[in-house]
Amino acid sequence: MVKSPCQISYSIGRLLGLSTGYIVHCESMVPLQFGRNMDYRSTYMEILLRVAVRIQQGDSLSINTNPSHLDFARELAQIASETTLQPVHIVVIEDGVPGDVLEVTPVIHEQSLAPPTGAALLRLDDTEDRDWDFTADPVDIVQNMGLLQKVGNLAPPQLDKQVAPWAVVPVPGPVWARRILGKKTSEEDLWKALGPVFKLDTPNPLRAWQDQVTWIDHRLSLLNRHDVVSWHMRSDNGTDFSVSAVEQSRWRGGVRRLGSGRTFLPLLPLERVSMLVERLQGRGVVKASRPFRLLGGMVEGASFELSQGTIVDFDADRGKELLALALSMDSGSAKLGELSLVDEHSHLGTLAHHFGYGGFDENLTSSITIGMGETYHLEALDTYADEMELQEQTGCNVSTLRARVPIGTADLQVSARLDDGSEIFFMQNGVFLT
């Protein structure tokens, strides 16, 4: 059901300040005084629109939200419509089912009569409305795609062609604040705690995000520069293993690029770099550096032995039965899919070990992915007919499972062995050297 256009009443001065003076290209759309006299909430909205999906005039933006974030979605939609000059549609999601659709139109600028020239999608993560204490029999979970997705262990579609910018983003709220910071904390406390993560505490947040993109691009250029035979990870906790990259892939950051050249950030923040692992090359010992969630439960003190890319032995102080179920799901669930590197001692890591939002959880620490990695690392992804052809021709792993195992420590070393036998170090003591 589409309701009549809804217009949100707020300070016209604020809207004018937020909605004028922007140009499509990110490099040119940083207002001089941006962020200095605005609250975190309003500044964050601008980051979502200008950095995450980088809306442009003519875009048809859809915002999917659960009821608890509806007010935020309305305000965000109003701001967006002043740039797109198109109606913005808010889809209200309840219990995973799309419901009412609200239409928000510009009030400061005249709505364009021309049809939309592009599309964009924002999903406000359901951190306020989800069942945080959801439980199910792990045996049922591994047999049910819906349950696997609910617990965060379902590998995403790999061959879907991305034709529009999209992002799944978190919004601080009272429920999420209590889950992360403690029962006596408030939504305001969470905004303040996440200020450094979203760069809201900087004089110019948009410029800070641009600088971060530039820095990650520099790091990627260094990682992709050499002809690397294998990558080695070592830590004093007993981790000592090596993997090789899929030949047709490259190290990637969090920025995605469409065929048109338009870029977007599907998850926040922008810290980790990752690569696809060749499914038959991993060997050595992996020790999980902290507890991690799997099939709705918790695994602690996990260790794995790798041989020819396959986990041939494993143990855990807690949750070993969860590992046994996960690793036996299919032919690829006991193989590695991806390696991710993140500087240790990040601000996120000081707040919690689990956030329930994918972008935060994958940027907490360096990790390996058991099961399937994300194939956006590959070149010419649209040339493969199906996932099995993808696996056969590239060497990447294919599985229904996707489970992230943390390996980051304060003494993690990461080095690359080159084809001439030499070794280059990229991380020492848990942080990148460059």
Protein backbone atom coordinates (compact mmCIF):
# COMPACT_ATOMS: atom_id res chain seq x y z
CA MET A 1 0.00 0.00 0.00
CA VAL A 2 1.35 3.42 -0.98
CA LYS A 3 0.25 6.20 1.33
CA SER A 4 -0.14 9.81 0.30
CA PRO A 5 3.07 11.84 0.19
CA CYS A 6 4.27 12.64 3.69
CA GLN A 7 6.28 15.74 4.43
CA ILE A 8 8.23 16.00 7.62
CA SER A 9 8.30 19.31 9.44
CA TYR A 10 11.62 20.46 10.64
CA SER A 11 13.72 23.61 10.73
CA ILE A 12 13.81 25.01 7.19
CA GLY A 13 17.15 26.52 7.99
CA ARG A 14 18.59 23.09 8.78
CA LEU A 15 17.23 21.61 5.58
CA LEU A 16 18.65 24.43 3.53
CA GLY A 17 21.99 24.00 5.22
CA LEU A 18 22.03 20.29 4.51
CA SER A 19 20.63 20.28 1.03
CA THR A 20 22.44 22.94 -0.93
CA GLY A 21 25.92 23.38 -2.28
CA TYR A 22 26.61 19.76 -3.22
CA ILE A 23 27.97 18.40 -6.48
CA VAL A 24 27.68 14.79 -7.60
CA HIS A 25 31.39 13.98 -7.34
CA CYS A 26 32.50 13.17 -3.78
CA GLU A 27 35.66 15.26 -4.08
CA SER A 28 33.58 18.39 -4.62
CA MET A 29 30.77 17.98 -2.14
CA VAL A 30 32.33 18.88 1.19
CA PRO A 31 30.80 22.04 2.66
CA LEU A 32 33.45 24.17 4.34
CA GLN A 33 31.84 24.21 7.77
CA PHE A 34 30.32 20.75 7.61
CA GLY A 35 30.11 18.97 10.95
CA ARG A 36 31.17 21.85 13.20
CA ASN A 37 27.78 22.99 14.44
CA MET A 38 25.60 19.98 13.73
CA ASP A 39 24.58 17.13 15.99
CA TYR A 40 25.86 13.61 15.36
CA ARG A 41 22.52 12.37 14.06
CA SER A 42 22.25 14.96 11.28
CA THR A 43 25.91 14.60 10.35
CA TYR A 44 25.52 10.84 10.14
CA MET A 45 22.58 11.22 7.77
CA GLU A 46 24.78 13.20 5.42
CA ILE A 47 27.46 10.49 5.58
CA LEU A 48 24.91 7.83 4.64
CA LEU A 49 23.71 9.83 1.66
CA ARG A 50 26.98 11.36 0.45
CA VAL A 51 29.43 8.57 1.29
CA ALA A 52 27.57 5.25 1.58
CA VAL A 53 25.27 5.45 -1.47
CA ARG A 54 26.43 8.81 -2.88
CA ILE A 55 23.00 9.91 -4.04
CA GLN A 56 22.71 12.07 -7.12
CA GLN A 57 20.05 14.25 -8.65
CA GLY A 58 17.63 11.99 -10.47
CA ASP A 59 18.10 8.96 -8.22
CA SER A 60 15.09 6.99 -7.05
CA LEU A 61 16.06 6.17 -3.46
CA SER A 62 14.37 3.44 -1.44
CA ILE A 63 14.90 3.21 2.32
CA ASN A 64 13.96 -0.07 4.01
CA THR A 65 13.46 0.17 7.75
CA ASN A 66 11.91 -1.53 10.73
CA PRO A 67 9.31 0.46 12.70
CA SER A 68 11.71 1.60 15.43
CA HIS A 69 13.84 3.52 12.92
CA LEU A 70 10.89 5.02 11.03
CA ASP A 71 11.40 8.57 12.33
CA PHE A 72 15.07 8.45 11.35
CA ALA A 73 14.10 7.09 7.92
CA ARG A 74 11.59 9.91 7.38
CA GLU A 75 14.10 12.59 8.23
CA LEU A 76 16.73 10.92 6.06
CA ALA A 77 14.27 10.62 3.18
CA GLN A 78 13.35 14.30 3.37
CA ILE A 79 16.99 15.34 3.20
CA ALA A 80 17.63 12.93 0.33
CA SER A 81 14.67 14.16 -1.71
CA GLU A 82 16.08 17.69 -1.69
CA THR A 83 19.10 16.36 -3.60
CA THR A 84 17.47 13.76 -5.84
CA LEU A 85 14.45 15.99 -6.63
CA GLN A 86 12.57 12.70 -6.81
CA PRO A 87 10.18 11.05 -4.36
CA VAL A 88 11.94 8.85 -1.81
CA HIS A 89 10.11 5.68 -0.80
CA ILE A 90 10.29 4.22 2.70
CA VAL A 91 9.43 0.52 2.95
CA VAL A 92 8.47 -0.53 6.48
CA ILE A 93 9.68 -4.06 7.30
CA GLU A 94 7.98 -6.03 10.08
CA ASP A 95 9.06 -9.57 10.94
CA GLY A 96 11.03 -9.66 7.70
CA VAL A 97 7.98 -8.84 5.57
CA PRO A 98 7.63 -5.57 3.60
CA GLY A 99 4.57 -3.59 4.66
CA ASP A 100 3.52 0.02 4.24
CA VAL A 101 5.31 2.20 1.70
CA LEU A 102 5.62 5.89 2.51
CA GLU A 103 6.47 8.49 -0.10
CA VAL A 104 8.48 11.58 0.84
CA THR A 105 8.78 14.49 -1.59
CA PRO A 106 10.92 17.65 -1.61
CA VAL A 107 9.65 20.72 0.26
CA ILE A 108 12.51 23.15 -0.33
CA HIS A 109 13.19 22.46 -4.00
CA GLU A 110 10.74 21.79 -6.79
CA GLN A 111 10.24 18.12 -7.56
CA SER A 112 11.52 17.09 -10.96
CA LEU A 113 8.92 16.10 -13.52
CA ALA A 114 11.43 13.93 -15.34
CA PRO A 115 11.54 10.18 -14.61
CA PRO A 116 14.33 8.88 -12.34
CA THR A 117 17.70 8.41 -14.01
CA GLY A 118 19.11 5.99 -11.44
CA ALA A 119 18.34 4.02 -8.30
CA ALA A 120 19.81 3.51 -4.84
CA LEU A 121 18.88 1.44 -1.79
CA LEU A 122 19.51 1.99 1.91
CA ARG A 123 18.62 -0.64 4.50
CA LEU A 124 18.58 0.57 8.11
CA ASP A 125 19.73 -2.47 10.07
CA ASP A 126 17.16 -3.93 12.45
CA THR A 127 19.20 -3.51 15.64
CA GLU A 128 16.16 -2.18 17.55
CA ASP A 129 13.49 -4.67 16.45
CA ARG A 130 15.26 -7.99 16.08
CA ASP A 131 14.97 -10.89 18.50
CA TRP A 132 18.42 -10.62 20.09
CA ASP A 133 17.82 -13.73 22.19
CA PHE A 134 16.68 -15.90 19.28
CA THR A 135 17.55 -19.56 19.75
CA ALA A 136 17.02 -22.64 17.61
CA ASP A 137 18.40 -26.14 17.41
CA PRO A 138 21.69 -25.90 15.45
CA VAL A 139 20.70 -29.08 13.59
CA ASP A 140 17.62 -27.25 12.31
CA ILE A 141 19.65 -24.15 11.48
CA VAL A 142 22.05 -25.93 9.10
CA GLN A 143 19.08 -27.36 7.21
CA ASN A 144 17.14 -24.11 6.86
CA MET A 145 18.37 -21.22 4.70
CA GLY A 146 16.15 -18.73 6.52
CA LEU A 147 17.56 -19.70 9.90
CA LEU A 148 21.11 -19.67 8.54
CA GLN A 149 20.55 -16.13 7.34
CA LYS A 150 19.02 -15.12 10.66
CA VAL A 151 22.11 -16.24 12.58
CA GLY A 152 24.44 -14.60 10.06
CA ASN A 153 26.02 -17.74 8.57
CA LEU A 154 24.41 -17.91 5.14
CA ALA A 155 26.77 -17.11 2.28
CA PRO A 156 25.39 -14.23 0.20
CA PRO A 157 24.51 -14.57 -3.50
CA GLN A 158 27.75 -14.48 -5.44
CA LEU A 159 26.81 -13.94 -9.08
CA ASP A 160 24.15 -11.26 -8.74
CA LYS A 161 25.07 -8.33 -10.94
CA GLN A 162 25.05 -5.09 -8.99
CA VAL A 163 23.35 -2.36 -10.99
CA ALA A 164 22.72 0.26 -8.30
CA PRO A 165 24.46 1.48 -5.14
CA TRP A 166 23.20 -0.05 -1.91
CA ALA A 167 24.16 -0.08 1.75
CA VAL A 168 23.09 -1.77 4.97
CA VAL A 169 23.76 0.71 7.75
CA PRO A 170 23.29 0.81 11.53
CA VAL A 171 21.38 3.49 13.43
CA PRO A 172 22.02 3.92 17.18
CA GLY A 173 18.98 3.33 19.35
CA PRO A 174 18.20 2.54 23.01
CA VAL A 175 17.93 -1.24 22.57
CA TRP A 176 21.23 -1.50 20.71
CA ALA A 177 22.89 0.81 23.22
CA ARG A 178 21.97 -1.47 26.11
CA ARG A 179 23.16 -4.55 24.21
CA ILE A 180 26.58 -3.04 23.52
CA LEU A 181 27.33 -0.62 26.34
CA GLY A 182 25.29 -2.00 29.23
CA LYS A 183 21.80 -1.85 30.70
CA LYS A 184 22.11 1.66 32.12
CA THR A 185 23.22 3.33 28.91
CA SER A 186 21.18 5.42 26.48
CA GLU A 187 20.93 6.08 22.75
CA GLU A 188 22.91 9.29 23.30
CA ASP A 189 25.70 7.28 24.93
CA LEU A 190 25.89 5.06 21.85
CA TRP A 191 26.02 8.03 19.48
CA LYS A 192 28.95 9.40 21.46
CA ALA A 193 30.70 6.01 21.58
CA LEU A 194 30.35 5.53 17.82
CA GLY A 195 31.32 9.09 16.96
CA PRO A 196 34.96 8.15 16.18
CA VAL A 197 33.84 5.10 14.15
CA PHE A 198 31.67 7.24 11.87
CA LYS A 199 34.20 10.12 12.01
CA LEU A 200 31.50 12.34 13.49
CA ASP A 201 33.97 13.82 15.97
CA THR A 202 36.17 15.31 13.24
CA PRO A 203 35.97 18.94 12.04
CA ASN A 204 34.95 17.77 8.57
CA PRO A 205 33.50 14.22 8.57
CA LEU A 206 33.03 13.98 4.81
CA ARG A 207 36.62 14.97 4.22
CA ALA A 208 37.69 12.42 6.85
CA TRP A 209 35.84 9.69 4.95
CA GLN A 210 37.46 10.75 1.70
CA ASP A 211 40.86 10.60 3.38
CA GLN A 212 40.06 7.10 4.65
CA VAL A 213 39.16 5.94 1.14
CA THR A 214 42.45 7.37 -0.14
CA TRP A 215 44.40 5.62 2.62
CA ILE A 216 42.74 2.25 1.98
CA ASP A 217 43.43 2.64 -1.75
CA HIS A 218 47.10 3.25 -0.95
CA ARG A 219 47.21 0.13 1.22
CA LEU A 220 45.59 -1.93 -1.51
CA SER A 221 48.09 -0.71 -4.08
CA LEU A 222 50.92 -1.99 -1.87
CA LEU A 223 49.25 -5.36 -1.27
CA ASN A 224 48.51 -5.86 -4.97
CA ARG A 225 51.87 -4.64 -6.25
CA HIS A 226 53.90 -7.85 -5.86
CA ASP A 227 53.73 -11.32 -7.42
CA VAL A 228 52.95 -13.18 -4.20
CA VAL A 229 53.15 -16.96 -3.96
CA SER A 230 51.65 -17.23 -0.48
CA TRP A 231 50.66 -15.18 2.55
CA HIS A 232 51.81 -16.20 6.04
CA MET A 233 50.13 -15.37 9.36
CA ARG A 234 51.91 -15.95 12.67
CA SER A 235 51.04 -15.12 16.26
CA ASP A 236 52.37 -16.07 19.68
CA ASN A 237 49.08 -17.83 20.50
CA GLY A 238 50.07 -20.66 18.13
CA THR A 239 48.64 -19.37 14.87
CA ASP A 240 51.00 -20.26 12.03
CA PHE A 241 49.41 -20.83 8.64
CA SER A 242 49.70 -19.84 5.01
CA VAL A 243 47.24 -19.32 2.18
CA SER A 244 47.42 -18.33 -1.46
CA ALA A 245 45.18 -15.88 -3.25
CA VAL A 246 42.81 -16.92 -6.01
CA GLU A 247 44.74 -16.12 -9.18
CA GLN A 248 42.06 -13.94 -10.77
CA SER A 249 41.34 -11.91 -7.64
CA ARG A 250 42.89 -8.89 -5.98
CA TRP A 251 42.98 -7.46 -2.49
CA ARG A 252 39.89 -5.31 -2.06
CA GLY A 253 38.64 -2.76 0.42
CA GLY A 254 35.06 -1.87 1.31
CA VAL A 255 34.42 0.37 -1.70
CA ARG A 256 32.38 -1.23 -4.50
CA ARG A 257 32.29 0.01 -8.07
CA LEU A 258 29.47 -0.37 -10.58
CA GLY A 259 29.98 -0.87 -14.28
CA SER A 260 29.18 2.82 -14.72
CA GLY A 261 32.14 3.72 -12.50
CA ARG A 262 29.94 4.93 -9.65
CA THR A 263 31.22 3.86 -6.24
CA PHE A 264 29.48 3.12 -2.94
CA LEU A 265 30.12 1.64 0.51
CA PRO A 266 27.72 -1.24 1.27
CA LEU A 267 28.88 -1.54 4.90
CA LEU A 268 30.41 0.85 7.42
CA PRO A 269 33.10 1.52 8.53
CA LEU A 270 35.94 1.28 6.01
CA GLU A 271 38.89 -0.44 7.71
CA ARG A 272 39.51 -4.00 6.54
CA VAL A 273 41.13 -5.26 3.37
CA SER A 274 40.44 -8.78 2.14
CA MET A 275 41.26 -11.35 -0.51
CA LEU A 276 39.79 -14.63 -1.77
CA VAL A 277 41.71 -17.73 -0.70
CA GLU A 278 42.63 -20.52 -3.13
CA ARG A 279 40.56 -23.45 -1.88
CA LEU A 280 43.30 -26.12 -2.12
CA GLN A 281 46.33 -24.24 -0.79
CA GLY A 282 45.84 -23.45 2.92
CA ARG A 283 48.08 -25.23 5.44
CA GLY A 284 49.12 -24.84 9.06
CA VAL A 285 47.44 -24.06 12.38
CA VAL A 286 44.83 -21.38 13.10
CA LYS A 287 43.97 -20.33 16.65
CA ALA A 288 40.88 -18.17 17.11
CA SER A 289 41.96 -15.04 18.97
CA ARG A 290 38.59 -14.41 20.61
CA PRO A 291 35.15 -16.03 20.91
CA PHE A 292 32.90 -15.94 17.83
CA ARG A 293 29.29 -16.67 17.03
CA LEU A 294 28.30 -19.68 14.96
CA LEU A 295 24.88 -21.20 14.20
CA GLY A 296 23.27 -19.11 16.91
CA GLY A 297 25.73 -20.16 19.62
CA MET A 298 29.16 -19.19 20.85
CA VAL A 299 32.50 -20.84 20.10
CA GLU A 300 35.45 -20.21 22.41
CA GLY A 301 39.06 -21.36 22.32
CA ALA A 302 38.80 -22.74 18.79
CA SER A 303 41.76 -24.15 16.87
CA PHE A 304 42.02 -25.60 13.38
CA GLU A 305 44.57 -27.62 11.45
CA LEU A 306 44.73 -27.01 7.71
CA SER A 307 46.09 -29.30 5.03
CA GLN A 308 45.72 -28.64 1.29
CA GLY A 309 43.08 -26.03 2.01
CA THR A 310 40.88 -28.28 4.14
CA ILE A 311 40.30 -28.23 7.90
CA VAL A 312 41.43 -31.74 8.82
CA ASP A 313 41.23 -31.34 12.60
CA PHE A 314 39.64 -28.87 15.01
CA ASP A 315 38.97 -28.33 18.69
CA ALA A 316 37.29 -25.79 20.97
CA ASP A 317 36.88 -25.15 24.67
CA ARG A 318 33.23 -24.38 24.01
CA GLY A 319 31.01 -24.95 20.98
CA LYS A 320 32.92 -27.84 19.42
CA GLU A 321 29.62 -29.43 18.45
CA LEU A 322 28.71 -26.25 16.53
CA LEU A 323 31.97 -26.47 14.61
CA ALA A 324 31.29 -30.11 13.78
CA LEU A 325 27.89 -29.24 12.34
CA ALA A 326 29.12 -26.24 10.39
CA LEU A 327 32.17 -27.94 8.91
CA SER A 328 30.09 -30.86 7.63
CA MET A 329 27.37 -28.80 5.93
CA ASP A 330 28.64 -29.26 2.37
CA SER A 331 31.80 -29.95 0.36
CA GLY A 332 33.10 -26.41 0.84
CA SER A 333 32.20 -25.74 4.46
CA ALA A 334 35.49 -27.15 5.82
CA LYS A 335 37.61 -24.97 3.53
CA LEU A 336 38.74 -21.35 3.77
CA GLY A 337 37.10 -18.73 1.61
CA GLU A 338 38.59 -15.38 2.53
CA LEU A 339 41.33 -13.63 4.50
CA SER A 340 40.67 -10.21 6.04
CA LEU A 341 43.23 -7.92 7.66
CA VAL A 342 42.42 -5.09 10.07
CA ASP A 343 44.69 -2.99 12.24
CA GLU A 344 44.45 -4.23 15.83
CA HIS A 345 43.53 -1.77 18.62
CA SER A 346 40.69 -0.22 16.61
CA HIS A 347 38.15 1.92 18.42
CA LEU A 348 35.45 -0.65 17.67
CA GLY A 349 37.43 -3.30 19.50
CA THR A 350 37.40 -1.25 22.69
CA LEU A 351 33.59 -1.18 22.75
CA ALA A 352 32.53 -4.81 22.26
CA HIS A 353 33.46 -8.19 20.78
CA HIS A 354 30.13 -8.52 18.95
CA PHE A 355 27.76 -5.85 17.65
CA GLY A 356 25.20 -7.76 15.64
CA TYR A 357 25.82 -5.49 12.65
CA GLY A 358 27.90 -7.10 9.92
CA GLY A 359 29.94 -4.04 9.04
CA PHE A 360 31.16 -3.62 12.61
CA ASP A 361 31.73 -7.31 13.28
CA GLU A 362 33.89 -7.84 10.20
CA ASN A 363 35.96 -4.74 10.95
CA LEU A 364 36.74 -5.65 14.56
CA THR A 365 39.89 -7.65 13.92
CA SER A 366 41.72 -9.69 11.30
CA SER A 367 39.92 -12.91 10.42
CA ILE A 368 39.54 -15.87 8.13
CA THR A 369 36.25 -16.93 6.61
CA ILE A 370 35.28 -20.58 6.68
CA GLY A 371 33.08 -21.49 3.74
CA MET A 372 32.44 -18.95 1.03
CA GLY A 373 34.16 -15.61 0.62
CA GLU A 374 32.72 -12.68 -1.30
CA THR A 375 33.43 -12.93 -5.00
CA TYR A 376 33.44 -9.19 -5.67
CA HIS A 377 37.22 -9.65 -5.30
CA LEU A 378 37.23 -11.31 -8.74
CA GLU A 379 37.66 -9.64 -12.08
CA ALA A 380 35.02 -10.24 -14.81
CA LEU A 381 32.60 -11.85 -12.36
CA ASP A 382 29.72 -11.69 -14.84
CA THR A 383 31.42 -14.18 -17.19
CA TYR A 384 30.60 -17.25 -15.06
CA ALA A 385 27.41 -19.23 -15.66
CA ASP A 386 27.03 -20.54 -12.11
CA GLU A 387 28.91 -20.99 -8.84
CA MET A 388 30.39 -24.36 -9.79
CA GLU A 389 31.89 -22.90 -12.97
CA LEU A 390 33.16 -20.05 -10.83
CA GLN A 391 34.91 -22.50 -8.51
CA GLU A 392 36.35 -24.64 -11.31
CA GLN A 393 37.79 -21.73 -13.26
CA THR A 394 39.07 -19.55 -10.41
CA GLY A 395 39.86 -21.90 -7.52
CA CYS A 396 37.72 -19.99 -5.04
CA ASN A 397 35.65 -21.92 -2.52
CA VAL A 398 31.90 -22.41 -2.89
CA SER A 399 29.69 -23.19 0.08
CA THR A 400 26.37 -22.36 1.70
CA LEU A 401 28.28 -21.49 4.87
CA ARG A 402 29.97 -18.22 5.71
CA ALA A 403 31.55 -18.04 9.18
CA ARG A 404 34.16 -15.53 10.29
CA VAL A 405 36.90 -16.71 12.68
CA PRO A 406 38.91 -13.93 14.39
CA ILE A 407 42.72 -14.24 14.21
CA GLY A 408 43.84 -10.70 15.06
CA THR A 409 46.22 -10.28 18.02
CA ALA A 410 48.58 -7.62 19.32
CA ASP A 411 51.51 -9.65 17.96
CA LEU A 412 50.10 -10.85 14.63
CA GLN A 413 52.63 -10.87 11.81
CA VAL A 414 51.60 -11.03 8.16
CA SER A 415 54.17 -11.58 5.43
CA ALA A 416 54.20 -12.42 1.74
CA ARG A 417 56.53 -14.92 0.07
CA LEU A 418 57.39 -13.79 -3.44
CA ASP A 419 58.14 -15.97 -6.44
CA ASP A 420 61.87 -15.25 -6.07
CA GLY A 421 61.82 -16.73 -2.55
CA SER A 422 62.07 -13.41 -0.70
CA GLU A 423 59.71 -12.37 2.08
CA ILE A 424 58.03 -9.00 2.66
CA PHE A 425 56.30 -8.09 5.92
CA PHE A 426 53.05 -6.15 5.74
CA MET A 427 51.91 -6.36 9.39
CA GLN A 428 53.89 -6.43 12.62
CA ASN A 429 52.44 -6.43 16.13
CA GLY A 430 48.93 -6.47 14.72
CA VAL A 431 49.20 -3.30 12.63
CA PHE A 432 50.09 -2.50 9.04
CA LEU A 433 53.62 -1.25 8.46
CA THR A 434 52.42 1.22 5.82
